[in-house]
Amino acid sequence: MPTQLENAMDTLIKIFHHYSGKEGDKYKLNKGDLKQFLTSELTDFLSLMLKPLS
């Protein structure tokens, strides 16, 4: 039975491959794909990081 960390890594890799490889190498993200990956998958996290501390 996989551990929670193994499940998390598997999910991360699957999501990465969803965004990578559109223009060749499926193991790399170009800048545009990286931006789309981060803004689509980490929306809440990024908005919290960009807010000034209260």
PDB file of N, CA and C in Angstrom:
ATOM      1  N   MET A   1       0.849  -1.183   0.000  1.00  0.00           N
ATOM      2  CA  MET A   1       0.000   0.000   0.000  1.00  0.00           C
ATOM      3  C   MET A   1       0.890   1.240   0.000  1.00  0.00           C
ATOM      4  N   PRO A   2       0.679   2.152  -0.951  1.00  0.00           N
ATOM      5  CA  PRO A   2       1.526   3.356  -1.025  1.00  0.00           C
ATOM      6  C   PRO A   2       1.315   4.275   0.182  1.00  0.00           C
ATOM      7  N   THR A   3       2.382   4.978   0.530  1.00  0.00           N
ATOM      8  CA  THR A   3       2.301   5.958   1.610  1.00  0.00           C
ATOM      9  C   THR A   3       1.643   7.233   1.088  1.00  0.00           C
ATOM     10  N   GLN A   4       1.299   8.126   2.008  1.00  0.00           N
ATOM     11  CA  GLN A   4       0.714   9.407   1.598  1.00  0.00           C
ATOM     12  C   GLN A   4       1.681  10.187   0.723  1.00  0.00           C
ATOM     13  N   LEU A   5       2.977  10.133   1.066  1.00  0.00           N
ATOM     14  CA  LEU A   5       3.972  10.850   0.269  1.00  0.00           C
ATOM     15  C   LEU A   5       4.073  10.266  -1.131  1.00  0.00           C
ATOM     16  N   GLU A   6       4.049   8.944  -1.241  1.00  0.00           N
ATOM     17  CA  GLU A   6       4.102   8.317  -2.562  1.00  0.00           C
ATOM     18  C   GLU A   6       2.880   8.698  -3.400  1.00  0.00           C
ATOM     19  N   ASN A   7       1.721   8.727  -2.791  1.00  0.00           N
ATOM     20  CA  ASN A   7       0.510   9.150  -3.508  1.00  0.00           C
ATOM     21  C   ASN A   7       0.610  10.603  -3.949  1.00  0.00           C
ATOM     22  N   ALA A   8       1.141  11.456  -3.073  1.00  0.00           N
ATOM     23  CA  ALA A   8       1.298  12.874  -3.412  1.00  0.00           C
ATOM     24  C   ALA A   8       2.275  13.048  -4.578  1.00  0.00           C
ATOM     25  N   MET A   9       3.394  12.321  -4.541  1.00  0.00           N
ATOM     26  CA  MET A   9       4.378  12.414  -5.629  1.00  0.00           C
ATOM     27  C   MET A   9       3.787  11.917  -6.945  1.00  0.00           C
ATOM     28  N   ASP A  10       3.038  10.835  -6.891  1.00  0.00           N
ATOM     29  CA  ASP A  10       2.394  10.298  -8.088  1.00  0.00           C
ATOM     30  C   ASP A  10       1.437  11.323  -8.691  1.00  0.00           C
ATOM     31  N   THR A  11       0.655  11.964  -7.844  1.00  0.00           N
ATOM     32  CA  THR A  11      -0.280  12.991  -8.307  1.00  0.00           C
ATOM     33  C   THR A  11       0.462  14.168  -8.918  1.00  0.00           C
ATOM     34  N   LEU A  12       1.525  14.626  -8.254  1.00  0.00           N
ATOM     35  CA  LEU A  12       2.313  15.749  -8.767  1.00  0.00           C
ATOM     36  C   LEU A  12       2.905  15.432 -10.136  1.00  0.00           C
ATOM     37  N   ILE A  13       3.431  14.234 -10.298  1.00  0.00           N
ATOM     38  CA  ILE A  13       4.025  13.830 -11.575  1.00  0.00           C
ATOM     39  C   ILE A  13       2.960  13.767 -12.668  1.00  0.00           C
ATOM     40  N   LYS A  14       1.785  13.233 -12.351  1.00  0.00           N
ATOM     41  CA  LYS A  14       0.707  13.165 -13.347  1.00  0.00           C
ATOM     42  C   LYS A  14       0.265  14.560 -13.781  1.00  0.00           C
ATOM     43  N   ILE A  15       0.141  15.469 -12.823  1.00  0.00           N
ATOM     44  CA  ILE A  15      -0.253  16.840 -13.161  1.00  0.00           C
ATOM     45  C   ILE A  15       0.842  17.513 -13.981  1.00  0.00           C
ATOM     46  N   PHE A  16       2.111  17.305 -13.611  1.00  0.00           N
ATOM     47  CA  PHE A  16       3.233  17.859 -14.373  1.00  0.00           C
ATOM     48  C   PHE A  16       3.170  17.390 -15.825  1.00  0.00           C
ATOM     49  N   HIS A  17       2.963  16.097 -16.034  1.00  0.00           N
ATOM     50  CA  HIS A  17       2.924  15.557 -17.393  1.00  0.00           C
ATOM     51  C   HIS A  17       1.719  16.067 -18.177  1.00  0.00           C
ATOM     52  N   HIS A  18       0.668  16.462 -17.488  1.00  0.00           N
ATOM     53  CA  HIS A  18      -0.481  17.069 -18.170  1.00  0.00           C
ATOM     54  C   HIS A  18      -0.068  18.375 -18.855  1.00  0.00           C
ATOM     55  N   TYR A  19       0.825  19.132 -18.231  1.00  0.00           N
ATOM     56  CA  TYR A  19       1.244  20.431 -18.764  1.00  0.00           C
ATOM     57  C   TYR A  19       2.518  20.342 -19.605  1.00  0.00           C
ATOM     58  N   SER A  20       3.330  19.332 -19.395  1.00  0.00           N
ATOM     59  CA  SER A  20       4.602  19.231 -20.123  1.00  0.00           C
ATOM     60  C   SER A  20       4.419  18.471 -21.432  1.00  0.00           C
ATOM     61  N   GLY A  21       5.413  18.577 -22.271  1.00  0.00           N
ATOM     62  CA  GLY A  21       5.438  17.793 -23.488  1.00  0.00           C
ATOM     63  C   GLY A  21       4.566  18.294 -24.616  1.00  0.00           C
ATOM     64  N   LYS A  22       3.940  19.433 -24.440  1.00  0.00           N
ATOM     65  CA  LYS A  22       3.097  19.955 -25.515  1.00  0.00           C
ATOM     66  C   LYS A  22       3.940  20.388 -26.705  1.00  0.00           C
ATOM     67  N   GLU A  23       5.201  20.747 -26.430  1.00  0.00           N
ATOM     68  CA  GLU A  23       6.095  21.204 -27.496  1.00  0.00           C
ATOM     69  C   GLU A  23       7.380  20.384 -27.519  1.00  0.00           C
ATOM     70  N   GLY A  24       7.265  19.076 -27.378  1.00  0.00           N
ATOM     71  CA  GLY A  24       8.460  18.250 -27.457  1.00  0.00           C
ATOM     72  C   GLY A  24       8.666  17.387 -26.234  1.00  0.00           C
ATOM     73  N   ASP A  25       9.676  17.712 -25.445  1.00  0.00           N
ATOM     74  CA  ASP A  25      10.104  16.888 -24.317  1.00  0.00           C
ATOM     75  C   ASP A  25       9.054  16.864 -23.208  1.00  0.00           C
ATOM     76  N   LYS A  26       8.544  15.663 -22.895  1.00  0.00           N
ATOM     77  CA  LYS A  26       7.502  15.561 -21.870  1.00  0.00           C
ATOM     78  C   LYS A  26       8.053  15.669 -20.454  1.00  0.00           C
ATOM     79  N   TYR A  27       9.364  15.810 -20.335  1.00  0.00           N
ATOM     80  CA  TYR A  27       9.990  15.943 -19.018  1.00  0.00           C
ATOM     81  C   TYR A  27      10.389  17.385 -18.713  1.00  0.00           C
ATOM     82  N   LYS A  28       9.973  18.316 -19.564  1.00  0.00           N
ATOM     83  CA  LYS A  28      10.325  19.726 -19.372  1.00  0.00           C
ATOM     84  C   LYS A  28       9.105  20.603 -19.599  1.00  0.00           C
ATOM     85  N   LEU A  29       9.096  21.742 -18.904  1.00  0.00           N
ATOM     86  CA  LEU A  29       8.069  22.759 -19.119  1.00  0.00           C
ATOM     87  C   LEU A  29       8.734  23.995 -19.704  1.00  0.00           C
ATOM     88  N   ASN A  30       8.136  24.565 -20.750  1.00  0.00           N
ATOM     89  CA  ASN A  30       8.645  25.853 -21.204  1.00  0.00           C
ATOM     90  C   ASN A  30       8.047  26.927 -20.296  1.00  0.00           C
ATOM     91  N   LYS A  31       8.453  28.160 -20.462  1.00  0.00           N
ATOM     92  CA  LYS A  31       8.001  29.227 -19.559  1.00  0.00           C
ATOM     93  C   LYS A  31       6.486  29.390 -19.571  1.00  0.00           C
ATOM     94  N   GLY A  32       5.888  29.318 -20.732  1.00  0.00           N
ATOM     95  CA  GLY A  32       4.440  29.471 -20.834  1.00  0.00           C
ATOM     96  C   GLY A  32       3.690  28.348 -20.138  1.00  0.00           C
ATOM     97  N   ASP A  33       4.172  27.115 -20.343  1.00  0.00           N
ATOM     98  CA  ASP A  33       3.540  25.969 -19.690  1.00  0.00           C
ATOM     99  C   ASP A  33       3.738  26.018 -18.178  1.00  0.00           C
ATOM    100  N   LEU A  34       4.909  26.473 -17.734  1.00  0.00           N
ATOM    101  CA  LEU A  34       5.167  26.603 -16.302  1.00  0.00           C
ATOM    102  C   LEU A  34       4.222  27.623 -15.680  1.00  0.00           C
ATOM    103  N   LYS A  35       4.047  28.752 -16.361  1.00  0.00           N
ATOM    104  CA  LYS A  35       3.139  29.780 -15.844  1.00  0.00           C
ATOM    105  C   LYS A  35       1.714  29.242 -15.764  1.00  0.00           C
ATOM    106  N   GLN A  36       1.274  28.551 -16.807  1.00  0.00           N
ATOM    107  CA  GLN A  36      -0.073  27.978 -16.802  1.00  0.00           C
ATOM    108  C   GLN A  36      -0.206  26.933 -15.695  1.00  0.00           C
ATOM    109  N   PHE A  37       0.799  26.096 -15.520  1.00  0.00           N
ATOM    110  CA  PHE A  37       0.814  25.071 -14.472  1.00  0.00           C
ATOM    111  C   PHE A  37       0.666  25.705 -13.095  1.00  0.00           C
ATOM    112  N   LEU A  38       1.477  26.723 -12.815  1.00  0.00           N
ATOM    113  CA  LEU A  38       1.452  27.359 -11.498  1.00  0.00           C
ATOM    114  C   LEU A  38       0.152  28.111 -11.249  1.00  0.00           C
ATOM    115  N   THR A  39      -0.305  28.871 -12.236  1.00  0.00           N
ATOM    116  CA  THR A  39      -1.521  29.659 -12.021  1.00  0.00           C
ATOM    117  C   THR A  39      -2.772  28.788 -11.979  1.00  0.00           C
ATOM    118  N   SER A  40      -2.777  27.687 -12.700  1.00  0.00           N
ATOM    119  CA  SER A  40      -3.949  26.805 -12.698  1.00  0.00           C
ATOM    120  C   SER A  40      -4.001  25.897 -11.477  1.00  0.00           C
ATOM    121  N   GLU A  41      -2.860  25.369 -11.091  1.00  0.00           N
ATOM    122  CA  GLU A  41      -2.830  24.355 -10.035  1.00  0.00           C
ATOM    123  C   GLU A  41      -2.555  24.917  -8.646  1.00  0.00           C
ATOM    124  N   LEU A  42      -1.985  26.107  -8.565  1.00  0.00           N
ATOM    125  CA  LEU A  42      -1.630  26.671  -7.256  1.00  0.00           C
ATOM    126  C   LEU A  42      -2.284  28.030  -7.025  1.00  0.00           C
ATOM    127  N   THR A  43      -3.475  28.209  -7.543  1.00  0.00           N
ATOM    128  CA  THR A  43      -4.161  29.499  -7.469  1.00  0.00           C
ATOM    129  C   THR A  43      -4.276  30.018  -6.043  1.00  0.00           C
ATOM    130  N   ASP A  44      -4.829  29.216  -5.145  1.00  0.00           N
ATOM    131  CA  ASP A  44      -5.024  29.657  -3.758  1.00  0.00           C
ATOM    132  C   ASP A  44      -3.694  29.893  -3.051  1.00  0.00           C
ATOM    133  N   PHE A  45      -2.741  28.995  -3.254  1.00  0.00           N
ATOM    134  CA  PHE A  45      -1.430  29.129  -2.621  1.00  0.00           C
ATOM    135  C   PHE A  45      -0.740  30.413  -3.069  1.00  0.00           C
ATOM    136  N   LEU A  46      -0.752  30.680  -4.371  1.00  0.00           N
ATOM    137  CA  LEU A  46      -0.094  31.879  -4.892  1.00  0.00           C
ATOM    138  C   LEU A  46      -0.774  33.148  -4.412  1.00  0.00           C
ATOM    139  N   SER A  47      -2.094  33.144  -4.341  1.00  0.00           N
ATOM    140  CA  SER A  47      -2.783  34.349  -3.871  1.00  0.00           C
ATOM    141  C   SER A  47      -2.452  34.621  -2.409  1.00  0.00           C
ATOM    142  N   LEU A  48      -2.298  33.582  -1.604  1.00  0.00           N
ATOM    143  CA  LEU A  48      -1.899  33.770  -0.206  1.00  0.00           C
ATOM    144  C   LEU A  48      -0.471  34.289  -0.100  1.00  0.00           C
ATOM    145  N   MET A  49       0.410  33.809  -0.961  1.00  0.00           N
ATOM    146  CA  MET A  49       1.813  34.220  -0.914  1.00  0.00           C
ATOM    147  C   MET A  49       1.986  35.667  -1.373  1.00  0.00           C
ATOM    148  N   LEU A  50       1.114  36.141  -2.248  1.00  0.00           N
ATOM    149  CA  LEU A  50       1.242  37.494  -2.782  1.00  0.00           C
ATOM    150  C   LEU A  50       0.563  38.546  -1.911  1.00  0.00           C
ATOM    151  N   LYS A  51      -0.263  38.109  -0.967  1.00  0.00           N
ATOM    152  CA  LYS A  51      -0.926  39.055  -0.063  1.00  0.00           C
ATOM    153  C   LYS A  51       0.073  39.567   0.963  1.00  0.00           C
ATOM    154  N   PRO A  52       0.001  40.858   1.282  1.00  0.00           N
ATOM    155  CA  PRO A  52       0.878  41.377   2.344  1.00  0.00           C
ATOM    156  C   PRO A  52       0.481  40.776   3.690  1.00  0.00           C
ATOM    157  N   LEU A  53       1.475  40.578   4.528  1.00  0.00           N
ATOM    158  CA  LEU A  53       1.211  40.036   5.860  1.00  0.00           C
ATOM    159  C   LEU A  53       0.437  41.044   6.693  1.00  0.00           C
ATOM    160  N   SER A  54      -0.553  40.582   7.409  1.00  0.00           N
ATOM    161  CA  SER A  54      -1.366  41.471   8.248  1.00  0.00           C
ATOM    162  C   SER A  54      -0.900  41.426   9.685  1.00  0.00           C
TER     163      SER A  54
END
